[in-house]
Amino acid sequence: MSSYGQNFYYYGDCAWYAFERRKELGKSVGNMWGNAHNWADNARSNGYNVNNTPSVGAIVHSYAGTNGAYGMGHVAVVESINPDGSITVSEMGWPTAGFKTIRTISASKVASHNFIH
C-alpha cells in the first residue's frame, strides 16, 4: 500500500480530490493509480480491499460509462451512511472540475459502485 506521498493527479479532478480527502482522514491511497476508471483495479492489485459495501472514508468508484461516469470514470469519498441506506459523498469534478460538491447516492444505487477501503 502506498503512503500519501505527492499528489500527482490533476488539480480539481475527482482523483486529486479523493487523494487529498483521504489524506485528511488519515487513510492511505495510491498516488499513481491513473484515471479514476483504473482505481478499483489498481487498488486491488496494491492490496486494498475493494467491494460493494460502503464505509465512511472509503473511496466510491465508478468505471467509465457506469453510474453517470464519463470516459475517465469517477471517484468520490463516503462522508456518511444514512439511515435509509443512501450515502453522502464529497467530490470534485461532478459536475465541474475544481469545485467540491456534496451529493447523496440513493440506497438503490449504492451496491452498483465499488468501494475502496
PDB file of N, CA and C in Angstrom:
ATOM      1  N   MET A   1       0.833  -1.178   0.000  1.00  0.00           N
ATOM      2  CA  MET A   1       0.000   0.000   0.000  1.00  0.00           C
ATOM      3  C   MET A   1       0.877   1.239   0.000  1.00  0.00           C
ATOM      4  N   SER A   2       0.369   2.249  -0.603  1.00  0.00           N
ATOM      5  CA  SER A   2       1.109   3.497  -0.711  1.00  0.00           C
ATOM      6  C   SER A   2       0.863   4.368   0.510  1.00  0.00           C
ATOM      7  N   SER A   3       1.872   5.103   0.887  1.00  0.00           N
ATOM      8  CA  SER A   3       1.636   6.161   1.857  1.00  0.00           C
ATOM      9  C   SER A   3       1.156   7.361   1.050  1.00  0.00           C
ATOM     10  N   TYR A   4       1.050   8.507   1.677  1.00  0.00           N
ATOM     11  CA  TYR A   4       0.488   9.647   0.974  1.00  0.00           C
ATOM     12  C   TYR A   4       1.360  10.103  -0.183  1.00  0.00           C
ATOM     13  N   GLY A   5       2.622  10.405   0.072  1.00  0.00           N
ATOM     14  CA  GLY A   5       3.473  10.906  -0.991  1.00  0.00           C
ATOM     15  C   GLY A   5       2.897  12.162  -1.605  1.00  0.00           C
ATOM     16  N   GLN A   6       3.374  12.472  -2.780  1.00  0.00           N
ATOM     17  CA  GLN A   6       2.927  13.652  -3.503  1.00  0.00           C
ATOM     18  C   GLN A   6       1.676  13.323  -4.312  1.00  0.00           C
ATOM     19  N   ASN A   7       0.786  14.273  -4.413  1.00  0.00           N
ATOM     20  CA  ASN A   7      -0.428  14.100  -5.199  1.00  0.00           C
ATOM     21  C   ASN A   7      -0.102  14.424  -6.655  1.00  0.00           C
ATOM     22  N   PHE A   8      -0.039  13.397  -7.499  1.00  0.00           N
ATOM     23  CA  PHE A   8       0.298  13.575  -8.908  1.00  0.00           C
ATOM     24  C   PHE A   8      -0.928  13.738  -9.803  1.00  0.00           C
ATOM     25  N   TYR A   9      -2.115  13.746  -9.219  1.00  0.00           N
ATOM     26  CA  TYR A   9      -3.331  13.883 -10.016  1.00  0.00           C
ATOM     27  C   TYR A   9      -3.556  15.348 -10.380  1.00  0.00           C
ATOM     28  N   TYR A  10      -4.346  15.582 -11.413  1.00  0.00           N
ATOM     29  CA  TYR A  10      -4.616  16.949 -11.867  1.00  0.00           C
ATOM     30  C   TYR A  10      -5.503  17.676 -10.871  1.00  0.00           C
ATOM     31  N   TYR A  11      -5.048  18.876 -10.463  1.00  0.00           N
ATOM     32  CA  TYR A  11      -5.810  19.671  -9.512  1.00  0.00           C
ATOM     33  C   TYR A  11      -7.236  19.875 -10.031  1.00  0.00           C
ATOM     34  N   GLY A  12      -8.186  19.675  -9.138  1.00  0.00           N
ATOM     35  CA  GLY A  12      -9.581  19.914  -9.462  1.00  0.00           C
ATOM     36  C   GLY A  12     -10.324  18.712  -9.985  1.00  0.00           C
ATOM     37  N   ASP A  13      -9.595  17.671 -10.385  1.00  0.00           N
ATOM     38  CA  ASP A  13     -10.247  16.447 -10.849  1.00  0.00           C
ATOM     39  C   ASP A  13     -10.665  15.599  -9.651  1.00  0.00           C
ATOM     40  N   CYS A  14     -11.526  14.639  -9.911  1.00  0.00           N
ATOM     41  CA  CYS A  14     -12.024  13.782  -8.831  1.00  0.00           C
ATOM     42  C   CYS A  14     -10.902  13.007  -8.151  1.00  0.00           C
ATOM     43  N   ALA A  15      -9.922  12.542  -8.924  1.00  0.00           N
ATOM     44  CA  ALA A  15      -8.820  11.767  -8.345  1.00  0.00           C
ATOM     45  C   ALA A  15      -7.983  12.641  -7.408  1.00  0.00           C
ATOM     46  N   TRP A  16      -7.710  13.871  -7.813  1.00  0.00           N
ATOM     47  CA  TRP A  16      -6.957  14.796  -6.964  1.00  0.00           C
ATOM     48  C   TRP A  16      -7.696  14.992  -5.645  1.00  0.00           C
ATOM     49  N   TYR A  17      -8.995  15.241  -5.727  1.00  0.00           N
ATOM     50  CA  TYR A  17      -9.779  15.470  -4.514  1.00  0.00           C
ATOM     51  C   TYR A  17      -9.800  14.234  -3.617  1.00  0.00           C
ATOM     52  N   ALA A  18     -10.045  13.067  -4.194  1.00  0.00           N
ATOM     53  CA  ALA A  18     -10.114  11.839  -3.392  1.00  0.00           C
ATOM     54  C   ALA A  18      -8.794  11.597  -2.662  1.00  0.00           C
ATOM     55  N   PHE A  19      -7.674  11.835  -3.337  1.00  0.00           N
ATOM     56  CA  PHE A  19      -6.361  11.690  -2.705  1.00  0.00           C
ATOM     57  C   PHE A  19      -6.255  12.634  -1.508  1.00  0.00           C
ATOM     58  N   GLU A  20      -6.583  13.910  -1.711  1.00  0.00           N
ATOM     59  CA  GLU A  20      -6.457  14.908  -0.647  1.00  0.00           C
ATOM     60  C   GLU A  20      -7.417  14.634   0.509  1.00  0.00           C
ATOM     61  N   ARG A  21      -8.638  14.240   0.198  1.00  0.00           N
ATOM     62  CA  ARG A  21      -9.617  13.983   1.266  1.00  0.00           C
ATOM     63  C   ARG A  21      -9.221  12.772   2.097  1.00  0.00           C
ATOM     64  N   ARG A  22      -8.759  11.714   1.432  1.00  0.00           N
ATOM     65  CA  ARG A  22      -8.303  10.532   2.179  1.00  0.00           C
ATOM     66  C   ARG A  22      -7.125  10.897   3.076  1.00  0.00           C
ATOM     67  N   LYS A  23      -6.231  11.721   2.578  1.00  0.00           N
ATOM     68  CA  LYS A  23      -5.095  12.171   3.378  1.00  0.00           C
ATOM     69  C   LYS A  23      -5.587  12.910   4.626  1.00  0.00           C
ATOM     70  N   GLU A  24      -6.581  13.787   4.472  1.00  0.00           N
ATOM     71  CA  GLU A  24      -7.168  14.495   5.620  1.00  0.00           C
ATOM     72  C   GLU A  24      -7.735  13.520   6.648  1.00  0.00           C
ATOM     73  N   LEU A  25      -8.284  12.418   6.163  1.00  0.00           N
ATOM     74  CA  LEU A  25      -8.905  11.421   7.041  1.00  0.00           C
ATOM     75  C   LEU A  25      -7.904  10.434   7.630  1.00  0.00           C
ATOM     76  N   GLY A  26      -6.629  10.565   7.237  1.00  0.00           N
ATOM     77  CA  GLY A  26      -5.603   9.659   7.741  1.00  0.00           C
ATOM     78  C   GLY A  26      -5.638   8.287   7.097  1.00  0.00           C
ATOM     79  N   LYS A  27      -6.199   8.213   5.896  1.00  0.00           N
ATOM     80  CA  LYS A  27      -6.300   6.942   5.173  1.00  0.00           C
ATOM     81  C   LYS A  27      -5.409   7.006   3.940  1.00  0.00           C
ATOM     82  N   SER A  28      -4.690   5.934   3.688  1.00  0.00           N
ATOM     83  CA  SER A  28      -3.760   5.931   2.562  1.00  0.00           C
ATOM     84  C   SER A  28      -4.495   5.742   1.239  1.00  0.00           C
ATOM     85  N   VAL A  29      -3.817   6.126   0.192  1.00  0.00           N
ATOM     86  CA  VAL A  29      -4.321   5.970  -1.176  1.00  0.00           C
ATOM     87  C   VAL A  29      -3.116   6.048  -2.109  1.00  0.00           C
ATOM     88  N   GLY A  30      -3.171   5.324  -3.202  1.00  0.00           N
ATOM     89  CA  GLY A  30      -2.071   5.361  -4.161  1.00  0.00           C
ATOM     90  C   GLY A  30      -1.994   6.703  -4.864  1.00  0.00           C
ATOM     91  N   ASN A  31      -0.787   7.147  -5.161  1.00  0.00           N
ATOM     92  CA  ASN A  31      -0.652   8.434  -5.833  1.00  0.00           C
ATOM     93  C   ASN A  31      -0.365   8.297  -7.328  1.00  0.00           C
ATOM     94  N   MET A  32      -0.400   7.069  -7.840  1.00  0.00           N
ATOM     95  CA  MET A  32      -0.170   6.868  -9.274  1.00  0.00           C
ATOM     96  C   MET A  32      -1.103   5.779  -9.805  1.00  0.00           C
ATOM     97  N   TRP A  33      -2.386   5.894  -9.486  1.00  0.00           N
ATOM     98  CA  TRP A  33      -3.361   4.897  -9.924  1.00  0.00           C
ATOM     99  C   TRP A  33      -3.987   5.245 -11.266  1.00  0.00           C
ATOM    100  N   GLY A  34      -3.587   6.351 -11.865  1.00  0.00           N
ATOM    101  CA  GLY A  34      -4.109   6.721 -13.174  1.00  0.00           C
ATOM    102  C   GLY A  34      -5.475   7.375 -13.081  1.00  0.00           C
ATOM    103  N   ASN A  35      -6.191   7.339 -14.210  1.00  0.00           N
ATOM    104  CA  ASN A  35      -7.535   7.903 -14.256  1.00  0.00           C
ATOM    105  C   ASN A  35      -8.443   7.155 -13.290  1.00  0.00           C
ATOM    106  N   ALA A  36      -9.497   7.813 -12.873  1.00  0.00           N
ATOM    107  CA  ALA A  36     -10.433   7.210 -11.922  1.00  0.00           C
ATOM    108  C   ALA A  36     -10.933   5.852 -12.404  1.00  0.00           C
ATOM    109  N   HIS A  37     -11.096   5.695 -13.707  1.00  0.00           N
ATOM    110  CA  HIS A  37     -11.555   4.416 -14.278  1.00  0.00           C
ATOM    111  C   HIS A  37     -10.716   3.242 -13.768  1.00  0.00           C
ATOM    112  N   ASN A  38      -9.420   3.467 -13.554  1.00  0.00           N
ATOM    113  CA  ASN A  38      -8.484   2.404 -13.179  1.00  0.00           C
ATOM    114  C   ASN A  38      -8.345   2.177 -11.677  1.00  0.00           C
ATOM    115  N   TRP A  39      -8.955   3.008 -10.860  1.00  0.00           N
ATOM    116  CA  TRP A  39      -8.659   2.977  -9.431  1.00  0.00           C
ATOM    117  C   TRP A  39      -9.010   1.670  -8.743  1.00  0.00           C
ATOM    118  N   ALA A  40     -10.152   1.089  -8.981  1.00  0.00           N
ATOM    119  CA  ALA A  40     -10.523  -0.147  -8.272  1.00  0.00           C
ATOM    120  C   ALA A  40      -9.542  -1.261  -8.592  1.00  0.00           C
ATOM    121  N   ASP A  41      -9.193  -1.418  -9.859  1.00  0.00           N
ATOM    122  CA  ASP A  41      -8.258  -2.476 -10.251  1.00  0.00           C
ATOM    123  C   ASP A  41      -6.868  -2.227  -9.676  1.00  0.00           C
ATOM    124  N   ASN A  42      -6.399  -0.986  -9.747  1.00  0.00           N
ATOM    125  CA  ASN A  42      -5.073  -0.673  -9.210  1.00  0.00           C
ATOM    126  C   ASN A  42      -5.045  -0.777  -7.687  1.00  0.00           C
ATOM    127  N   ALA A  43      -6.120  -0.378  -7.031  1.00  0.00           N
ATOM    128  CA  ALA A  43      -6.188  -0.508  -5.570  1.00  0.00           C
ATOM    129  C   ALA A  43      -6.132  -1.976  -5.172  1.00  0.00           C
ATOM    130  N   ARG A  44      -6.907  -2.800  -5.848  1.00  0.00           N
ATOM    131  CA  ARG A  44      -6.929  -4.242  -5.558  1.00  0.00           C
ATOM    132  C   ARG A  44      -5.533  -4.830  -5.740  1.00  0.00           C
ATOM    133  N   SER A  45      -4.853  -4.469  -6.817  1.00  0.00           N
ATOM    134  CA  SER A  45      -3.517  -5.028  -7.065  1.00  0.00           C
ATOM    135  C   SER A  45      -2.477  -4.489  -6.087  1.00  0.00           C
ATOM    136  N   ASN A  46      -2.811  -3.403  -5.377  1.00  0.00           N
ATOM    137  CA  ASN A  46      -1.923  -2.851  -4.350  1.00  0.00           C
ATOM    138  C   ASN A  46      -2.336  -3.263  -2.943  1.00  0.00           C
ATOM    139  N   GLY A  47      -3.221  -4.247  -2.826  1.00  0.00           N
ATOM    140  CA  GLY A  47      -3.566  -4.798  -1.521  1.00  0.00           C
ATOM    141  C   GLY A  47      -4.730  -4.153  -0.799  1.00  0.00           C
ATOM    142  N   TYR A  48      -5.420  -3.231  -1.440  1.00  0.00           N
ATOM    143  CA  TYR A  48      -6.581  -2.603  -0.816  1.00  0.00           C
ATOM    144  C   TYR A  48      -7.790  -3.520  -0.951  1.00  0.00           C
ATOM    145  N   ASN A  49      -8.680  -3.474   0.030  1.00  0.00           N
ATOM    146  CA  ASN A  49      -9.939  -4.207  -0.039  1.00  0.00           C
ATOM    147  C   ASN A  49     -10.897  -3.414  -0.922  1.00  0.00           C
ATOM    148  N   VAL A  50     -11.438  -4.051  -1.951  1.00  0.00           N
ATOM    149  CA  VAL A  50     -12.400  -3.421  -2.857  1.00  0.00           C
ATOM    150  C   VAL A  50     -13.643  -4.300  -2.882  1.00  0.00           C
ATOM    151  N   ASN A  51     -14.797  -3.708  -2.541  1.00  0.00           N
ATOM    152  CA  ASN A  51     -16.044  -4.464  -2.544  1.00  0.00           C
ATOM    153  C   ASN A  51     -17.205  -3.532  -2.855  1.00  0.00           C
ATOM    154  N   ASN A  52     -18.423  -4.003  -2.656  1.00  0.00           N
ATOM    155  CA  ASN A  52     -19.614  -3.199  -2.940  1.00  0.00           C
ATOM    156  C   ASN A  52     -20.309  -2.716  -1.675  1.00  0.00           C
ATOM    157  N   THR A  53     -19.560  -2.665  -0.563  1.00  0.00           N
ATOM    158  CA  THR A  53     -20.111  -2.245   0.722  1.00  0.00           C
ATOM    159  C   THR A  53     -19.462  -0.934   1.157  1.00  0.00           C
ATOM    160  N   PRO A  54     -20.248   0.127   1.342  1.00  0.00           N
ATOM    161  CA  PRO A  54     -19.659   1.412   1.730  1.00  0.00           C
ATOM    162  C   PRO A  54     -19.216   1.446   3.183  1.00  0.00           C
ATOM    163  N   SER A  55     -18.256   2.295   3.462  1.00  0.00           N
ATOM    164  CA  SER A  55     -17.869   2.641   4.830  1.00  0.00           C
ATOM    165  C   SER A  55     -17.421   4.097   4.798  1.00  0.00           C
ATOM    166  N   VAL A  56     -17.567   4.777   5.909  1.00  0.00           N
ATOM    167  CA  VAL A  56     -17.164   6.177   5.971  1.00  0.00           C
ATOM    168  C   VAL A  56     -15.669   6.273   5.695  1.00  0.00           C
ATOM    169  N   GLY A  57     -15.302   7.157   4.785  1.00  0.00           N
ATOM    170  CA  GLY A  57     -13.908   7.337   4.393  1.00  0.00           C
ATOM    171  C   GLY A  57     -13.488   6.507   3.200  1.00  0.00           C
ATOM    172  N   ALA A  58     -14.315   5.543   2.797  1.00  0.00           N
ATOM    173  CA  ALA A  58     -13.983   4.723   1.624  1.00  0.00           C
ATOM    174  C   ALA A  58     -14.094   5.564   0.356  1.00  0.00           C
ATOM    175  N   ILE A  59     -13.366   5.151  -0.653  1.00  0.00           N
ATOM    176  CA  ILE A  59     -13.458   5.783  -1.966  1.00  0.00           C
ATOM    177  C   ILE A  59     -14.581   5.099  -2.736  1.00  0.00           C
ATOM    178  N   VAL A  60     -15.496   5.889  -3.257  1.00  0.00           N
ATOM    179  CA  VAL A  60     -16.565   5.392  -4.122  1.00  0.00           C
ATOM    180  C   VAL A  60     -16.014   5.405  -5.540  1.00  0.00           C
ATOM    181  N   HIS A  61     -16.103   4.281  -6.233  1.00  0.00           N
ATOM    182  CA  HIS A  61     -15.523   4.166  -7.569  1.00  0.00           C
ATOM    183  C   HIS A  61     -16.577   3.775  -8.590  1.00  0.00           C
ATOM    184  N   SER A  62     -16.540   4.435  -9.747  1.00  0.00           N
ATOM    185  CA  SER A  62     -17.382   4.060 -10.887  1.00  0.00           C
ATOM    186  C   SER A  62     -16.499   3.952 -12.120  1.00  0.00           C
ATOM    187  N   TYR A  63     -16.615   2.826 -12.816  1.00  0.00           N
ATOM    188  CA  TYR A  63     -15.925   2.683 -14.098  1.00  0.00           C
ATOM    189  C   TYR A  63     -16.546   3.643 -15.109  1.00  0.00           C
ATOM    190  N   ALA A  64     -15.787   3.989 -16.131  1.00  0.00           N
ATOM    191  CA  ALA A  64     -16.301   4.828 -17.212  1.00  0.00           C
ATOM    192  C   ALA A  64     -17.564   4.197 -17.781  1.00  0.00           C
ATOM    193  N   GLY A  65     -18.565   5.020 -18.010  1.00  0.00           N
ATOM    194  CA  GLY A  65     -19.808   4.538 -18.593  1.00  0.00           C
ATOM    195  C   GLY A  65     -20.791   3.940 -17.604  1.00  0.00           C
ATOM    196  N   THR A  66     -20.453   3.951 -16.313  1.00  0.00           N
ATOM    197  CA  THR A  66     -21.374   3.429 -15.298  1.00  0.00           C
ATOM    198  C   THR A  66     -21.718   4.524 -14.298  1.00  0.00           C
ATOM    199  N   ASN A  67     -22.912   4.467 -13.764  1.00  0.00           N
ATOM    200  CA  ASN A  67     -23.349   5.394 -12.712  1.00  0.00           C
ATOM    201  C   ASN A  67     -23.142   6.862 -13.067  1.00  0.00           C
ATOM    202  N   GLY A  68     -23.261   7.185 -14.345  1.00  0.00           N
ATOM    203  CA  GLY A  68     -23.114   8.564 -14.790  1.00  0.00           C
ATOM    204  C   GLY A  68     -21.686   9.015 -15.015  1.00  0.00           C
ATOM    205  N   ALA A  69     -20.713   8.138 -14.796  1.00  0.00           N
ATOM    206  CA  ALA A  69     -19.305   8.497 -15.004  1.00  0.00           C
ATOM    207  C   ALA A  69     -18.981   8.493 -16.496  1.00  0.00           C
ATOM    208  N   TYR A  70     -18.202   9.441 -16.911  1.00  0.00           N
ATOM    209  CA  TYR A  70     -17.824   9.552 -18.316  1.00  0.00           C
ATOM    210  C   TYR A  70     -16.557   8.760 -18.598  1.00  0.00           C
ATOM    211  N   GLY A  71     -15.849   9.122 -19.647  1.00  0.00           N
ATOM    212  CA  GLY A  71     -14.734   8.360 -20.185  1.00  0.00           C
ATOM    213  C   GLY A  71     -13.588   8.025 -19.260  1.00  0.00           C
ATOM    214  N   MET A  72     -13.367   8.799 -18.206  1.00  0.00           N
ATOM    215  CA  MET A  72     -12.255   8.507 -17.302  1.00  0.00           C
ATOM    216  C   MET A  72     -12.717   7.918 -15.978  1.00  0.00           C
ATOM    217  N   GLY A  73     -14.005   7.587 -15.859  1.00  0.00           N
ATOM    218  CA  GLY A  73     -14.523   7.062 -14.609  1.00  0.00           C
ATOM    219  C   GLY A  73     -14.686   8.170 -13.581  1.00  0.00           C
ATOM    220  N   HIS A  74     -15.000   7.785 -12.357  1.00  0.00           N
ATOM    221  CA  HIS A  74     -15.191   8.777 -11.301  1.00  0.00           C
ATOM    222  C   HIS A  74     -14.904   8.166  -9.939  1.00  0.00           C
ATOM    223  N   VAL A  75     -14.338   8.978  -9.047  1.00  0.00           N
ATOM    224  CA  VAL A  75     -14.153   8.605  -7.649  1.00  0.00           C
ATOM    225  C   VAL A  75     -14.640   9.740  -6.757  1.00  0.00           C
ATOM    226  N   ALA A  76     -15.098   9.371  -5.575  1.00  0.00           N
ATOM    227  CA  ALA A  76     -15.549  10.311  -4.555  1.00  0.00           C
ATOM    228  C   ALA A  76     -15.230   9.670  -3.209  1.00  0.00           C
ATOM    229  N   VAL A  77     -15.564  10.332  -2.127  1.00  0.00           N
ATOM    230  CA  VAL A  77     -15.285   9.807  -0.789  1.00  0.00           C
ATOM    231  C   VAL A  77     -16.584   9.758   0.012  1.00  0.00           C
ATOM    232  N   VAL A  78     -16.819   8.630   0.676  1.00  0.00           N
ATOM    233  CA  VAL A  78     -18.018   8.469   1.509  1.00  0.00           C
ATOM    234  C   VAL A  78     -17.859   9.315   2.771  1.00  0.00           C
ATOM    235  N   GLU A  79     -18.797  10.220   2.983  1.00  0.00           N
ATOM    236  CA  GLU A  79     -18.799  11.063   4.178  1.00  0.00           C
ATOM    237  C   GLU A  79     -19.737  10.517   5.249  1.00  0.00           C
ATOM    238  N   SER A  80     -20.839   9.899   4.825  1.00  0.00           N
ATOM    239  CA  SER A  80     -21.761   9.309   5.799  1.00  0.00           C
ATOM    240  C   SER A  80     -22.609   8.242   5.131  1.00  0.00           C
ATOM    241  N   ILE A  81     -23.059   7.312   5.968  1.00  0.00           N
ATOM    242  CA  ILE A  81     -24.029   6.304   5.552  1.00  0.00           C
ATOM    243  C   ILE A  81     -25.317   6.665   6.275  1.00  0.00           C
ATOM    244  N   ASN A  82     -26.349   6.903   5.515  1.00  0.00           N
ATOM    245  CA  ASN A  82     -27.593   7.433   6.058  1.00  0.00           C
ATOM    246  C   ASN A  82     -28.542   6.314   6.496  1.00  0.00           C
ATOM    247  N   PRO A  83     -29.460   6.614   7.424  1.00  0.00           N
ATOM    248  CA  PRO A  83     -30.366   5.587   7.951  1.00  0.00           C
ATOM    249  C   PRO A  83     -31.174   4.851   6.878  1.00  0.00           C
ATOM    250  N   ASP A  84     -31.449   5.518   5.753  1.00  0.00           N
ATOM    251  CA  ASP A  84     -32.229   4.876   4.689  1.00  0.00           C
ATOM    252  C   ASP A  84     -31.373   4.042   3.737  1.00  0.00           C
ATOM    253  N   GLY A  85     -30.055   3.928   4.040  1.00  0.00           N
ATOM    254  CA  GLY A  85     -29.153   3.144   3.201  1.00  0.00           C
ATOM    255  C   GLY A  85     -28.479   3.936   2.103  1.00  0.00           C
ATOM    256  N   SER A  86     -28.883   5.185   1.913  1.00  0.00           N
ATOM    257  CA  SER A  86     -28.189   6.046   0.955  1.00  0.00           C
ATOM    258  C   SER A  86     -26.853   6.466   1.560  1.00  0.00           C
ATOM    259  N   ILE A  87     -25.978   7.014   0.741  1.00  0.00           N
ATOM    260  CA  ILE A  87     -24.697   7.516   1.240  1.00  0.00           C
ATOM    261  C   ILE A  87     -24.503   8.956   0.783  1.00  0.00           C
ATOM    262  N   THR A  88     -23.815   9.721   1.595  1.00  0.00           N
ATOM    263  CA  THR A  88     -23.444  11.079   1.238  1.00  0.00           C
ATOM    264  C   THR A  88     -21.969  11.063   0.889  1.00  0.00           C
ATOM    265  N   VAL A  89     -21.637  11.651  -0.271  1.00  0.00           N
ATOM    266  CA  VAL A  89     -20.256  11.664  -0.737  1.00  0.00           C
ATOM    267  C   VAL A  89     -19.796  13.093  -0.973  1.00  0.00           C
ATOM    268  N   SER A  90     -18.488  13.300  -0.849  1.00  0.00           N
ATOM    269  CA  SER A  90     -17.870  14.560  -1.253  1.00  0.00           C
ATOM    270  C   SER A  90     -16.995  14.258  -2.452  1.00  0.00           C
ATOM    271  N   GLU A  91     -16.846  15.258  -3.321  1.00  0.00           N
ATOM    272  CA  GLU A  91     -16.142  15.006  -4.583  1.00  0.00           C
ATOM    273  C   GLU A  91     -15.792  16.307  -5.283  1.00  0.00           C
ATOM    274  N   MET A  92     -14.971  16.184  -6.303  1.00  0.00           N
ATOM    275  CA  MET A  92     -14.732  17.244  -7.276  1.00  0.00           C
ATOM    276  C   MET A  92     -14.959  16.630  -8.650  1.00  0.00           C
ATOM    277  N   GLY A  93     -15.162  17.499  -9.625  1.00  0.00           N
ATOM    278  CA  GLY A  93     -15.330  17.010 -10.988  1.00  0.00           C
ATOM    279  C   GLY A  93     -16.712  16.451 -11.259  1.00  0.00           C
ATOM    280  N   TRP A  94     -17.649  16.682 -10.362  1.00  0.00           N
ATOM    281  CA  TRP A  94     -19.024  16.215 -10.567  1.00  0.00           C
ATOM    282  C   TRP A  94     -19.950  17.344 -10.182  1.00  0.00           C
ATOM    283  N   PRO A  95     -20.409  18.145 -11.042  1.00  0.00           N
ATOM    284  CA  PRO A  95     -20.280  18.061 -12.496  1.00  0.00           C
ATOM    285  C   PRO A  95     -19.131  18.880 -13.072  1.00  0.00           C
ATOM    286  N   THR A  96     -18.472  19.714 -12.258  1.00  0.00           N
ATOM    287  CA  THR A  96     -17.459  20.623 -12.789  1.00  0.00           C
ATOM    288  C   THR A  96     -16.144  20.474 -12.042  1.00  0.00           C
ATOM    289  N   ALA A  97     -15.035  20.410 -12.777  1.00  0.00           N
ATOM    290  CA  ALA A  97     -13.708  20.305 -12.159  1.00  0.00           C
ATOM    291  C   ALA A  97     -13.425  21.542 -11.313  1.00  0.00           C
ATOM    292  N   GLY A  98     -12.699  21.324 -10.220  1.00  0.00           N
ATOM    293  CA  GLY A  98     -12.241  22.422  -9.391  1.00  0.00           C
ATOM    294  C   GLY A  98     -13.188  22.853  -8.290  1.00  0.00           C
ATOM    295  N   PHE A  99     -14.391  22.284  -8.262  1.00  0.00           N
ATOM    296  CA  PHE A  99     -15.365  22.657  -7.246  1.00  0.00           C
ATOM    297  C   PHE A  99     -15.765  21.441  -6.430  1.00  0.00           C
ATOM    298  N   LYS A 100     -15.640  21.564  -5.114  1.00  0.00           N
ATOM    299  CA  LYS A 100     -16.076  20.485  -4.228  1.00  0.00           C
ATOM    300  C   LYS A 100     -17.596  20.495  -4.165  1.00  0.00           C
ATOM    301  N   THR A 101     -18.181  19.318  -4.285  1.00  0.00           N
ATOM    302  CA  THR A 101     -19.626  19.187  -4.149  1.00  0.00           C
ATOM    303  C   THR A 101     -19.940  18.043  -3.191  1.00  0.00           C
ATOM    304  N   ILE A 102     -21.130  18.099  -2.646  1.00  0.00           N
ATOM    305  CA  ILE A 102     -21.650  17.049  -1.767  1.00  0.00           C
ATOM    306  C   ILE A 102     -22.933  16.553  -2.423  1.00  0.00           C
ATOM    307  N   ARG A 103     -23.102  15.248  -2.508  1.00  0.00           N
ATOM    308  CA  ARG A 103     -24.357  14.717  -3.042  1.00  0.00           C
ATOM    309  C   ARG A 103     -24.684  13.406  -2.350  1.00  0.00           C
ATOM    310  N   THR A 104     -25.904  12.984  -2.532  1.00  0.00           N
ATOM    311  CA  THR A 104     -26.380  11.734  -1.951  1.00  0.00           C
ATOM    312  C   THR A 104     -26.593  10.725  -3.063  1.00  0.00           C
ATOM    313  N   ILE A 105     -26.100   9.520  -2.848  1.00  0.00           N
ATOM    314  CA  ILE A 105     -26.334   8.397  -3.755  1.00  0.00           C
ATOM    315  C   ILE A 105     -27.415   7.541  -3.106  1.00  0.00           C
ATOM    316  N   SER A 106     -28.496   7.308  -3.831  1.00  0.00           N
ATOM    317  CA  SER A 106     -29.642   6.587  -3.272  1.00  0.00           C
ATOM    318  C   SER A 106     -29.273   5.159  -2.887  1.00  0.00           C
ATOM    319  N   ALA A 107     -30.013   4.633  -1.931  1.00  0.00           N
ATOM    320  CA  ALA A 107     -29.772   3.268  -1.451  1.00  0.00           C
ATOM    321  C   ALA A 107     -29.849   2.261  -2.587  1.00  0.00           C
ATOM    322  N   SER A 108     -30.736   2.494  -3.542  1.00  0.00           N
ATOM    323  CA  SER A 108     -30.895   1.551  -4.655  1.00  0.00           C
ATOM    324  C   SER A 108     -29.697   1.542  -5.596  1.00  0.00           C
ATOM    325  N   LYS A 109     -28.861   2.580  -5.551  1.00  0.00           N
ATOM    326  CA  LYS A 109     -27.688   2.677  -6.431  1.00  0.00           C
ATOM    327  C   LYS A 109     -26.370   2.339  -5.733  1.00  0.00           C
ATOM    328  N   VAL A 110     -26.383   2.277  -4.408  1.00  0.00           N
ATOM    329  CA  VAL A 110     -25.136   2.104  -3.654  1.00  0.00           C
ATOM    330  C   VAL A 110     -24.366   0.862  -4.087  1.00  0.00           C
ATOM    331  N   ALA A 111     -25.016  -0.287  -4.163  1.00  0.00           N
ATOM    332  CA  ALA A 111     -24.322  -1.547  -4.463  1.00  0.00           C
ATOM    333  C   ALA A 111     -23.778  -1.620  -5.882  1.00  0.00           C
ATOM    334  N   SER A 112     -24.170  -0.683  -6.755  1.00  0.00           N
ATOM    335  CA  SER A 112     -23.644  -0.691  -8.124  1.00  0.00           C
ATOM    336  C   SER A 112     -22.282  -0.004  -8.215  1.00  0.00           C
ATOM    337  N   HIS A 113     -21.790   0.512  -7.102  1.00  0.00           N
ATOM    338  CA  HIS A 113     -20.477   1.158  -7.046  1.00  0.00           C
ATOM    339  C   HIS A 113     -19.462   0.224  -6.388  1.00  0.00           C
ATOM    340  N   ASN A 114     -18.197   0.446  -6.693  1.00  0.00           N
ATOM    341  CA  ASN A 114     -17.107  -0.191  -5.953  1.00  0.00           C
ATOM    342  C   ASN A 114     -16.730   0.732  -4.803  1.00  0.00           C
ATOM    343  N   PHE A 115     -16.252   0.137  -3.714  1.00  0.00           N
ATOM    344  CA  PHE A 115     -15.756   0.910  -2.581  1.00  0.00           C
ATOM    345  C   PHE A 115     -14.352   0.428  -2.258  1.00  0.00           C
ATOM    346  N   ILE A 116     -13.415   1.367  -2.239  1.00  0.00           N
ATOM    347  CA  ILE A 116     -12.014   1.073  -1.950  1.00  0.00           C
ATOM    348  C   ILE A 116     -11.780   1.442  -0.494  1.00  0.00           C
ATOM    349  N   HIS A 117     -11.365   0.447   0.303  1.00  0.00           N
ATOM    350  CA  HIS A 117     -11.195   0.650   1.752  1.00  0.00           C
ATOM    351  C   HIS A 117      -9.719   0.718   2.116  1.00  0.00           C
TER     352      HIS A 117
END
